[in-house]
Each structure stands twice: as structure tokens, then as C-alpha cells.
Amino acid sequence: MADTSNNIHTQPSTTGWENQQNGIVLSRHFKKDTAVAKGRKLARHLATDLTIHGRDGTVLTTAKYTAPISVAAK
């Protein structure tokens, strides 16, 4: 089974939506689309997966982001 502990999760909260990693809230948002956009940015930056949850907590989608390939200077 894959290690999912470092994944970013966009999920509902009592005040709207939040992005969490390892149980730590990284950002809070009133709107889901804003939370998803920030979650994608975080996942790209950290080269990890983003799991987007619905209002009922079910997983709607997962996207995998990998580290950018560095190009050696010529």
C-alpha cells in the first residue's frame, strides 16, 4: 500500500474548506474552488498527491504531482 501521509487533502471544515497535510491545516477557505486551487498549488510545490473530498467526506478525485525535472545548464 502506498504511503499517503504526505498527501494534501482538500476537505470540508466547520467554516468552509481547508487543505491539510499530515493532519496539519495548511490553509482555510470559504469556497471550495479557492481551496482546490490552493491545494493544487501546494501539491505541485511539494511534489505530492492532492486528494479532493466532497462535502460528505468521500474522495472525489486524486491528482499526482511530481517534482519538476531540472534541466542541466549548457
N, C-alpha and C. Protein backbone atom coordinates (compact mmCIF):
# COMPACT_ATOMS: atom_id res chain seq x y z
N MET A 1 0.84 -1.18 0.00
CA MET A 1 0.00 0.00 0.00
C MET A 1 0.89 1.24 0.00
N ALA A 2 0.50 2.24 -0.79
CA ALA A 2 1.29 3.47 -0.91
C ALA A 2 1.19 4.31 0.35
N ASP A 3 2.27 5.01 0.64
CA ASP A 3 2.29 5.91 1.79
C ASP A 3 1.57 7.19 1.40
N THR A 4 0.48 7.51 2.06
CA THR A 4 -0.31 8.70 1.74
C THR A 4 -0.18 9.78 2.79
N SER A 5 0.74 9.63 3.72
CA SER A 5 0.82 10.56 4.85
C SER A 5 1.20 11.97 4.44
N ASN A 6 1.93 12.14 3.35
CA ASN A 6 2.35 13.48 2.95
C ASN A 6 1.43 14.12 1.93
N ASN A 7 0.37 13.43 1.55
CA ASN A 7 -0.56 13.98 0.57
C ASN A 7 -1.29 15.20 1.12
N ILE A 8 -1.69 16.07 0.20
CA ILE A 8 -2.53 17.21 0.55
C ILE A 8 -3.99 16.76 0.40
N HIS A 9 -4.82 17.10 1.37
CA HIS A 9 -6.24 16.78 1.31
C HIS A 9 -7.04 18.08 1.36
N THR A 10 -7.85 18.32 0.32
CA THR A 10 -8.80 19.43 0.33
C THR A 10 -10.11 18.84 0.83
N GLN A 11 -10.57 19.35 1.96
CA GLN A 11 -11.74 18.74 2.60
C GLN A 11 -12.59 19.79 3.30
N PRO A 12 -13.85 19.42 3.57
CA PRO A 12 -14.72 20.37 4.26
C PRO A 12 -14.30 20.57 5.71
N SER A 13 -14.61 21.75 6.21
CA SER A 13 -14.36 22.05 7.63
C SER A 13 -15.60 22.74 8.18
N THR A 14 -15.58 23.07 9.44
CA THR A 14 -16.75 23.71 10.05
C THR A 14 -16.99 25.12 9.51
N THR A 15 -15.95 25.75 8.98
CA THR A 15 -16.08 27.12 8.47
C THR A 15 -15.99 27.22 6.96
N GLY A 16 -15.90 26.11 6.26
CA GLY A 16 -15.79 26.13 4.80
C GLY A 16 -14.98 24.95 4.31
N TRP A 17 -13.78 25.24 3.80
CA TRP A 17 -12.89 24.21 3.24
C TRP A 17 -11.48 24.45 3.72
N GLU A 18 -10.70 23.39 3.78
CA GLU A 18 -9.30 23.53 4.21
C GLU A 18 -8.42 22.52 3.48
N ASN A 19 -7.15 22.85 3.44
CA ASN A 19 -6.12 21.95 2.92
C ASN A 19 -5.30 21.48 4.09
N GLN A 20 -5.14 20.15 4.19
CA GLN A 20 -4.38 19.56 5.29
C GLN A 20 -3.29 18.65 4.75
N GLN A 21 -2.22 18.56 5.51
CA GLN A 21 -1.15 17.59 5.26
C GLN A 21 -0.73 17.04 6.61
N ASN A 22 -0.75 15.72 6.74
CA ASN A 22 -0.40 15.06 7.99
C ASN A 22 -1.21 15.58 9.17
N GLY A 23 -2.48 15.93 8.93
CA GLY A 23 -3.35 16.42 10.00
C GLY A 23 -3.15 17.87 10.36
N ILE A 24 -2.24 18.54 9.68
CA ILE A 24 -1.96 19.95 9.94
C ILE A 24 -2.66 20.80 8.88
N VAL A 25 -3.43 21.79 9.32
CA VAL A 25 -4.13 22.66 8.38
C VAL A 25 -3.12 23.62 7.76
N LEU A 26 -3.04 23.59 6.42
CA LEU A 26 -2.13 24.47 5.69
C LEU A 26 -2.81 25.75 5.22
N SER A 27 -4.12 25.66 4.93
CA SER A 27 -4.87 26.84 4.51
C SER A 27 -6.35 26.60 4.73
N ARG A 28 -7.09 27.71 4.93
CA ARG A 28 -8.54 27.66 5.12
C ARG A 28 -9.19 28.59 4.10
N HIS A 29 -10.37 28.18 3.61
CA HIS A 29 -11.05 28.94 2.56
C HIS A 29 -12.55 28.87 2.75
N PHE A 30 -13.26 29.91 2.32
CA PHE A 30 -14.71 29.90 2.38
C PHE A 30 -15.31 29.10 1.23
N LYS A 31 -14.65 29.14 0.06
CA LYS A 31 -15.18 28.48 -1.13
C LYS A 31 -14.33 27.27 -1.52
N LYS A 32 -15.01 26.23 -1.99
CA LYS A 32 -14.31 25.00 -2.38
C LYS A 32 -13.35 25.24 -3.54
N ASP A 33 -13.77 26.00 -4.55
CA ASP A 33 -12.90 26.20 -5.71
C ASP A 33 -11.60 26.92 -5.33
N THR A 34 -11.67 27.83 -4.39
CA THR A 34 -10.47 28.51 -3.91
C THR A 34 -9.57 27.54 -3.17
N ALA A 35 -10.16 26.68 -2.36
CA ALA A 35 -9.39 25.68 -1.61
C ALA A 35 -8.72 24.69 -2.56
N VAL A 36 -9.44 24.26 -3.59
CA VAL A 36 -8.88 23.31 -4.56
C VAL A 36 -7.70 23.95 -5.30
N ALA A 37 -7.85 25.21 -5.73
CA ALA A 37 -6.76 25.90 -6.43
C ALA A 37 -5.51 26.00 -5.56
N LYS A 38 -5.69 26.34 -4.30
CA LYS A 38 -4.56 26.43 -3.37
C LYS A 38 -3.97 25.04 -3.11
N GLY A 39 -4.84 24.04 -2.99
CA GLY A 39 -4.37 22.67 -2.79
C GLY A 39 -3.51 22.19 -3.95
N ARG A 40 -3.93 22.50 -5.18
CA ARG A 40 -3.13 22.13 -6.36
C ARG A 40 -1.76 22.81 -6.33
N LYS A 41 -1.77 24.09 -5.97
CA LYS A 41 -0.51 24.83 -5.90
C LYS A 41 0.42 24.21 -4.85
N LEU A 42 -0.12 23.89 -3.69
CA LEU A 42 0.67 23.27 -2.63
C LEU A 42 1.21 21.91 -3.07
N ALA A 43 0.35 21.09 -3.68
CA ALA A 43 0.76 19.75 -4.11
C ALA A 43 1.85 19.81 -5.18
N ARG A 44 1.71 20.76 -6.11
CA ARG A 44 2.76 20.92 -7.13
C ARG A 44 4.09 21.32 -6.48
N HIS A 45 4.01 22.28 -5.57
CA HIS A 45 5.21 22.78 -4.90
C HIS A 45 5.89 21.69 -4.08
N LEU A 46 5.10 20.86 -3.42
CA LEU A 46 5.64 19.81 -2.55
C LEU A 46 5.82 18.47 -3.27
N ALA A 47 5.44 18.42 -4.57
CA ALA A 47 5.55 17.21 -5.38
C ALA A 47 4.90 16.02 -4.69
N THR A 48 3.61 16.15 -4.40
CA THR A 48 2.86 15.09 -3.73
C THR A 48 1.48 14.96 -4.37
N ASP A 49 0.65 14.11 -3.84
CA ASP A 49 -0.70 13.92 -4.37
C ASP A 49 -1.67 14.91 -3.72
N LEU A 50 -2.71 15.25 -4.47
CA LEU A 50 -3.80 16.06 -3.95
C LEU A 50 -5.05 15.20 -3.98
N THR A 51 -5.69 15.05 -2.83
CA THR A 51 -6.95 14.32 -2.74
C THR A 51 -8.04 15.32 -2.41
N ILE A 52 -9.06 15.37 -3.28
CA ILE A 52 -10.17 16.31 -3.10
C ILE A 52 -11.37 15.53 -2.59
N HIS A 53 -11.92 15.98 -1.46
CA HIS A 53 -13.05 15.34 -0.83
C HIS A 53 -14.32 16.14 -1.10
N GLY A 54 -15.46 15.46 -1.08
CA GLY A 54 -16.76 16.12 -1.18
C GLY A 54 -17.23 16.59 0.17
N ARG A 55 -18.36 17.27 0.19
CA ARG A 55 -18.92 17.80 1.43
C ARG A 55 -19.16 16.68 2.45
N ASP A 56 -19.48 15.47 1.96
CA ASP A 56 -19.73 14.34 2.87
C ASP A 56 -18.46 13.58 3.24
N GLY A 57 -17.31 14.06 2.77
CA GLY A 57 -16.03 13.45 3.13
C GLY A 57 -15.54 12.38 2.17
N THR A 58 -16.38 11.98 1.21
CA THR A 58 -15.94 10.96 0.25
C THR A 58 -14.90 11.53 -0.70
N VAL A 59 -14.02 10.68 -1.19
CA VAL A 59 -12.99 11.10 -2.13
C VAL A 59 -13.62 11.29 -3.50
N LEU A 60 -13.47 12.49 -4.06
CA LEU A 60 -14.00 12.78 -5.39
C LEU A 60 -12.95 12.54 -6.47
N THR A 61 -11.73 12.95 -6.20
CA THR A 61 -10.65 12.78 -7.17
C THR A 61 -9.30 12.88 -6.49
N THR A 62 -8.31 12.29 -7.14
CA THR A 62 -6.93 12.38 -6.67
C THR A 62 -6.04 12.71 -7.86
N ALA A 63 -5.13 13.64 -7.67
CA ALA A 63 -4.18 14.01 -8.71
C ALA A 63 -2.76 13.85 -8.17
N LYS A 64 -1.87 13.35 -9.00
CA LYS A 64 -0.48 13.12 -8.59
C LYS A 64 0.41 14.20 -9.21
N TYR A 65 1.18 14.84 -8.38
CA TYR A 65 2.12 15.86 -8.85
C TYR A 65 3.53 15.41 -8.49
N THR A 66 4.41 15.45 -9.46
CA THR A 66 5.80 15.04 -9.24
C THR A 66 6.71 16.24 -9.35
N ALA A 67 7.91 16.09 -8.84
CA ALA A 67 8.88 17.18 -8.87
C ALA A 67 9.22 17.52 -10.31
N PRO A 68 9.36 18.81 -10.61
CA PRO A 68 9.75 19.19 -11.96
C PRO A 68 11.16 18.65 -12.28
N ILE A 69 11.34 18.28 -13.51
CA ILE A 69 12.64 17.76 -13.95
C ILE A 69 13.56 18.96 -14.19
N SER A 70 14.69 18.97 -13.53
CA SER A 70 15.61 20.08 -13.72
C SER A 70 16.45 19.82 -14.96
N VAL A 71 16.67 20.89 -15.70
CA VAL A 71 17.46 20.80 -16.92
C VAL A 71 18.85 21.34 -16.63
N ALA A 72 19.86 20.55 -16.93
CA ALA A 72 21.24 20.99 -16.69
C ALA A 72 21.59 22.14 -17.63
N ALA A 73 22.27 23.13 -17.08
CA ALA A 73 22.70 24.26 -17.88
C ALA A 73 23.73 23.82 -18.90
N LYS A 74 23.60 24.37 -20.10
CA LYS A 74 24.55 24.01 -21.17
C LYS A 74 25.61 25.06 -21.31
